[in-house]
């Protein structure tokens, strides 16, 4: 294989320029992607709390995880979305001719891969969870979530943008109205068509609502997420016997406040 130094230099230069532009635009990107970040926090907080408690974490370790997730999510989502873009470009080889199934499958792969890398580091360094079996259980739960919830989550993100007045749901979803590859099995095809009809009906209904009504709906979603999270902690044991041996300042501070 011929060694093309000029090509390598050009690629490296373009990469450096891209990194520089991304750093420059990062604050604006965080602001632009705030609706997506907010949606993820609303949707994942009660579910993640349940996964953590089923993994035998203490309430306080889970509190730290959920509270720590909020600022981290707002900061990391632009990076993850950029990574998703380049994953589809260079690894998945996604293009305009790619099927929706191809895009969805690779979204699941990308979501699972990033979860498998980020979650163990987050639980160990942020939540101060020192039991690797517990970390593995919580990470496995996150992997299942990443693989199963990605498609409805992307739709909910578009709903959140509409509720926040960023972009109407109809406009956001118009690019997704491509012909589907329906299964030959009749009942599956009917179920897909039923779901499509229902989502279109919901989009038309949402279009008629005022911005005030939409903000009220968003507030109700936030309240529902908080209530569901509280219900998880009330319905599951505290698991105090799994208290970390070296809990750290944040853990002990919360522990004293709750005593």
Protein backbone atom coordinates (compact mmCIF):
# COMPACT_ATOMS: atom_id res chain seq x y z
CA UNK A 1 0.00 0.00 0.00
CA UNK A 2 1.40 3.38 -1.01
CA UNK A 3 2.22 5.74 1.86
CA UNK A 4 0.63 9.10 1.08
CA UNK A 5 2.03 11.62 3.56
CA UNK A 6 0.19 14.59 2.02
CA UNK A 7 -3.14 12.78 2.41
CA UNK A 8 -2.43 12.02 6.08
CA UNK A 9 -1.39 15.62 6.74
CA UNK A 10 -4.55 16.92 5.06
CA UNK A 11 -6.77 14.54 7.06
CA UNK A 12 -5.04 15.52 10.30
CA UNK A 13 -5.41 19.21 9.49
CA UNK A 14 -9.12 18.84 8.71
CA UNK A 15 -9.61 16.89 11.95
CA UNK A 16 -7.85 19.62 13.93
CA UNK A 17 -10.00 22.31 12.28
CA UNK A 18 -13.13 20.30 13.05
CA UNK A 19 -12.13 19.95 16.71
CA UNK A 20 -11.40 23.67 16.93
CA UNK A 21 -14.77 24.57 15.41
CA UNK A 22 -16.57 22.14 17.73
CA UNK A 23 -14.92 23.62 20.85
CA UNK A 24 -15.81 27.12 19.62
CA UNK A 25 -19.44 26.17 18.98
CA UNK A 26 -19.79 23.87 22.02
CA UNK A 27 -21.65 26.33 24.32
CA UNK A 28 -24.19 27.07 21.59
CA UNK A 29 -24.48 23.32 20.89
CA UNK A 30 -25.24 22.61 24.57
CA UNK A 31 -27.99 25.23 24.46
CA UNK A 32 -29.38 23.94 21.16
CA UNK A 33 -29.49 20.33 22.40
CA UNK A 34 -31.00 21.26 25.79
CA UNK A 35 -34.45 19.92 24.77
CA UNK A 36 -32.93 16.53 23.91
CA UNK A 37 -30.99 16.50 27.18
CA UNK A 38 -34.08 17.48 29.18
CA UNK A 39 -36.11 14.74 27.52
CA UNK A 40 -33.50 12.11 28.36
CA UNK A 41 -33.44 13.23 32.00
CA UNK A 42 -37.24 13.16 32.26
CA UNK A 43 -37.55 9.75 30.59
CA UNK A 44 -34.59 7.96 32.15
CA UNK A 45 -34.61 9.21 35.77
CA UNK A 46 -37.34 6.90 37.16
CA UNK A 47 -36.31 3.96 34.97
CA UNK A 48 -32.62 4.31 35.86
CA UNK A 49 -33.49 4.63 39.55
CA UNK A 50 -35.41 1.34 39.33
CA UNK A 51 -32.50 -0.39 37.57
CA UNK A 52 -30.08 0.88 40.23
CA UNK A 53 -32.27 -0.27 43.12
CA UNK A 54 -32.76 -3.68 41.51
CA UNK A 55 -28.94 -3.84 41.34
CA UNK A 56 -28.93 -3.49 45.16
CA UNK A 57 -27.57 0.06 45.33
CA UNK A 58 -28.35 2.07 48.43
CA UNK A 59 -30.79 4.95 48.14
CA UNK A 60 -27.99 7.48 48.62
CA UNK A 61 -25.80 5.98 45.88
CA UNK A 62 -28.78 6.13 43.54
CA UNK A 63 -29.56 9.73 44.62
CA UNK A 64 -26.00 10.73 43.75
CA UNK A 65 -26.27 8.96 40.39
CA UNK A 66 -29.54 10.66 39.47
CA UNK A 67 -28.42 14.14 40.62
CA UNK A 68 -25.00 13.77 39.00
CA UNK A 69 -26.61 12.70 35.75
CA UNK A 70 -28.39 16.05 35.32
CA UNK A 71 -25.37 18.35 34.63
CA UNK A 72 -23.42 15.56 32.94
CA UNK A 73 -26.28 14.86 30.52
CA UNK A 74 -26.45 18.50 29.42
CA UNK A 75 -22.69 18.51 28.82
CA UNK A 76 -22.30 15.09 27.18
CA UNK A 77 -25.30 14.95 24.83
CA UNK A 78 -23.68 17.26 22.21
CA UNK A 79 -20.61 14.99 22.25
CA UNK A 80 -22.71 11.83 21.95
CA UNK A 81 -24.81 13.26 19.11
CA UNK A 82 -21.64 14.28 17.27
CA UNK A 83 -20.24 10.80 17.83
CA UNK A 84 -23.49 9.29 16.52
CA UNK A 85 -23.17 11.41 13.37
CA UNK A 86 -19.63 10.21 12.64
CA UNK A 87 -20.49 6.62 13.63
CA UNK A 88 -23.17 6.57 10.93
CA UNK A 89 -20.86 8.25 8.42
CA UNK A 90 -17.69 6.18 8.84
CA UNK A 91 -18.62 2.92 10.60
CA UNK A 92 -22.27 2.17 9.79
CA UNK A 93 -21.83 3.66 6.28
CA UNK A 94 -25.33 5.15 6.50
CA UNK A 95 -26.42 7.23 3.51
CA UNK A 96 -29.58 8.56 1.88
CA UNK A 97 -30.32 5.12 0.42
CA UNK A 98 -30.04 3.31 3.77
CA UNK A 99 -33.21 1.75 5.12
CA UNK A 100 -34.88 2.90 8.32
CA UNK A 101 -34.13 -0.55 9.78
CA UNK A 102 -30.42 0.00 9.13
CA UNK A 103 -30.50 3.36 10.92
CA UNK A 104 -32.46 2.00 13.89
CA UNK A 105 -30.22 -1.05 14.33
CA UNK A 106 -27.06 1.05 14.31
CA UNK A 107 -28.62 3.55 16.72
CA UNK A 108 -29.12 0.62 19.09
CA UNK A 109 -25.53 -0.55 18.61
CA UNK A 110 -24.16 2.96 19.18
CA UNK A 111 -26.37 3.50 22.26
CA UNK A 112 -25.33 0.17 23.77
CA UNK A 113 -21.62 0.80 23.08
CA UNK A 114 -21.59 4.27 24.67
CA UNK A 115 -23.58 2.99 27.67
CA UNK A 116 -21.13 0.11 28.19
CA UNK A 117 -18.22 2.58 28.26
CA UNK A 118 -19.71 5.49 30.21
CA UNK A 119 -21.88 3.76 32.84
CA UNK A 120 -19.16 1.82 34.74
CA UNK A 121 -16.95 4.91 34.90
CA UNK A 122 -19.89 7.05 36.06
CA UNK A 123 -20.98 4.67 38.80
CA UNK A 124 -17.43 4.16 40.09
CA UNK A 125 -16.15 7.75 40.03
CA UNK A 126 -19.33 9.85 40.41
CA UNK A 127 -21.65 7.62 42.46
CA UNK A 128 -18.74 6.07 44.42
CA UNK A 129 -20.17 2.57 43.98
CA UNK A 130 -17.30 0.19 44.78
CA UNK A 131 -18.99 -3.16 44.16
CA UNK A 132 -18.27 -4.22 40.57
CA UNK A 133 -21.09 -6.78 40.60
CA UNK A 134 -23.49 -3.95 41.44
CA UNK A 135 -21.95 -1.77 38.71
CA UNK A 136 -22.25 -4.62 36.20
CA UNK A 137 -25.92 -5.10 37.08
CA UNK A 138 -26.73 -1.40 36.68
CA UNK A 139 -24.74 -1.23 33.43
CA UNK A 140 -26.51 -4.32 32.04
CA UNK A 141 -29.84 -2.68 32.82
CA UNK A 142 -28.66 0.44 31.02
CA UNK A 143 -27.65 -1.64 27.99
CA UNK A 144 -31.11 -3.18 27.79
CA UNK A 145 -32.65 0.29 28.02
CA UNK A 146 -30.34 1.70 25.35
CA UNK A 147 -31.25 -1.12 22.97
CA UNK A 148 -35.01 -1.01 23.54
CA UNK A 149 -35.95 2.59 24.29
CA UNK A 150 -33.92 4.44 21.62
CA UNK A 151 -36.70 4.53 18.98
CA UNK A 152 -39.51 5.86 21.23
CA UNK A 153 -37.00 8.16 22.95
CA UNK A 154 -36.13 9.86 19.65
CA UNK A 155 -39.84 10.46 19.09
CA UNK A 156 -40.29 11.83 22.62
CA UNK A 157 -37.36 14.19 22.00
CA UNK A 158 -39.26 15.66 19.08
CA UNK A 159 -42.36 16.00 21.29
CA UNK A 160 -40.28 17.84 23.90
CA UNK A 161 -38.96 20.26 21.28
CA UNK A 162 -42.55 21.07 20.36
CA UNK A 163 -43.59 21.53 24.02
CA UNK A 164 -40.61 23.87 24.54
CA UNK A 165 -41.44 25.91 21.45
CA UNK A 166 -38.23 24.92 19.63
CA UNK A 167 -39.73 23.10 16.62
CA UNK A 168 -43.17 21.72 15.86
CA UNK A 169 -43.56 17.96 16.01
CA UNK A 170 -44.94 17.82 12.46
CA UNK A 171 -41.87 19.61 11.09
CA UNK A 172 -39.47 17.47 13.12
CA UNK A 173 -41.06 14.23 11.96
CA UNK A 174 -41.53 15.00 8.27
CA UNK A 175 -38.14 13.44 7.42
CA UNK A 176 -39.28 10.19 9.01
CA UNK A 177 -42.24 9.74 6.66
CA UNK A 178 -40.32 7.48 4.30
CA UNK A 179 -41.89 4.23 3.07
CA UNK A 180 -41.43 1.43 5.60
CA UNK A 181 -40.37 -2.11 4.79
CA UNK A 182 -43.49 -3.80 6.19
CA UNK A 183 -43.38 -7.42 7.23
CA UNK A 184 -45.27 -9.98 5.14
CA UNK A 185 -46.94 -11.15 8.35
CA UNK A 186 -50.36 -9.49 8.25
CA UNK A 187 -50.83 -8.77 11.94
CA UNK A 188 -47.41 -7.11 12.22
CA UNK A 189 -48.16 -4.93 9.18
CA UNK A 190 -51.51 -3.92 10.69
CA UNK A 191 -49.87 -3.12 14.03
CA UNK A 192 -47.29 -0.91 12.30
CA UNK A 193 -49.97 0.92 10.35
CA UNK A 194 -52.06 1.35 13.53
CA UNK A 195 -49.06 2.88 15.34
CA UNK A 196 -48.35 5.20 12.39
CA UNK A 197 -51.98 6.36 12.29
CA UNK A 198 -52.00 7.02 16.03
CA UNK A 199 -48.77 9.05 15.97
CA UNK A 200 -50.03 11.13 13.04
CA UNK A 201 -53.29 11.75 14.89
CA UNK A 202 -51.34 12.84 17.98
CA UNK A 203 -49.16 15.19 15.92
CA UNK A 204 -52.23 16.82 14.38
CA UNK A 205 -53.81 17.16 17.83
CA UNK A 206 -50.65 18.70 19.32
CA UNK A 207 -50.48 21.20 16.46
CA UNK A 208 -53.78 22.73 17.61
CA UNK A 209 -52.61 23.41 21.19
CA UNK A 210 -51.37 26.79 22.41
CA UNK A 211 -47.82 27.28 23.67
CA UNK A 212 -49.18 27.79 27.17
CA UNK A 213 -50.94 24.43 27.04
CA UNK A 214 -47.76 22.80 25.75
CA UNK A 215 -45.70 24.24 28.61
CA UNK A 216 -48.29 22.96 31.05
CA UNK A 217 -47.93 19.53 29.45
CA UNK A 218 -44.15 19.71 29.83
CA UNK A 219 -44.50 20.66 33.50
CA UNK A 220 -46.80 17.67 34.02
CA UNK A 221 -44.22 15.37 32.41
CA UNK A 222 -41.51 16.68 34.77
CA UNK A 223 -43.81 16.27 37.78
CA UNK A 224 -44.71 12.76 36.63
CA UNK A 225 -41.02 11.82 36.32
CA UNK A 226 -40.30 13.11 39.84
CA UNK A 227 -43.34 11.30 41.28
CA UNK A 228 -42.39 8.04 39.54
CA UNK A 229 -38.82 8.30 40.85
CA UNK A 230 -40.06 8.92 44.40
CA UNK A 231 -42.36 5.90 44.08
CA UNK A 232 -39.39 3.71 43.10
CA UNK A 233 -37.47 4.68 46.26
CA UNK A 234 -40.54 4.19 48.44
CA UNK A 235 -41.31 0.75 46.98
CA UNK A 236 -37.78 -0.69 47.15
CA UNK A 237 -35.54 -1.50 50.14
CA UNK A 238 -32.82 0.97 51.15
CA UNK A 239 -30.04 -1.67 50.90
CA UNK A 240 -28.04 -0.02 53.70
CA UNK A 241 -26.02 -3.23 54.08
CA UNK A 242 -24.40 -2.33 50.74
CA UNK A 243 -23.08 1.02 51.99
CA UNK A 244 -19.64 1.71 50.44
CA UNK A 245 -16.64 1.13 52.71
CA UNK A 246 -15.21 4.51 51.69
CA UNK A 247 -18.38 6.51 50.96
CA UNK A 248 -16.75 9.88 50.27
CA UNK A 249 -17.75 13.42 51.21
CA UNK A 250 -20.90 13.68 49.05
CA UNK A 251 -22.28 10.37 50.31
CA UNK A 252 -21.67 11.14 53.99
CA UNK A 253 -23.06 14.69 53.61
CA UNK A 254 -26.34 13.41 52.12
CA UNK A 255 -26.42 10.71 54.77
CA UNK A 256 -26.21 13.31 57.56
CA UNK A 257 -28.89 15.49 55.95
CA UNK A 258 -31.30 12.52 55.74
CA UNK A 259 -30.71 11.40 59.35
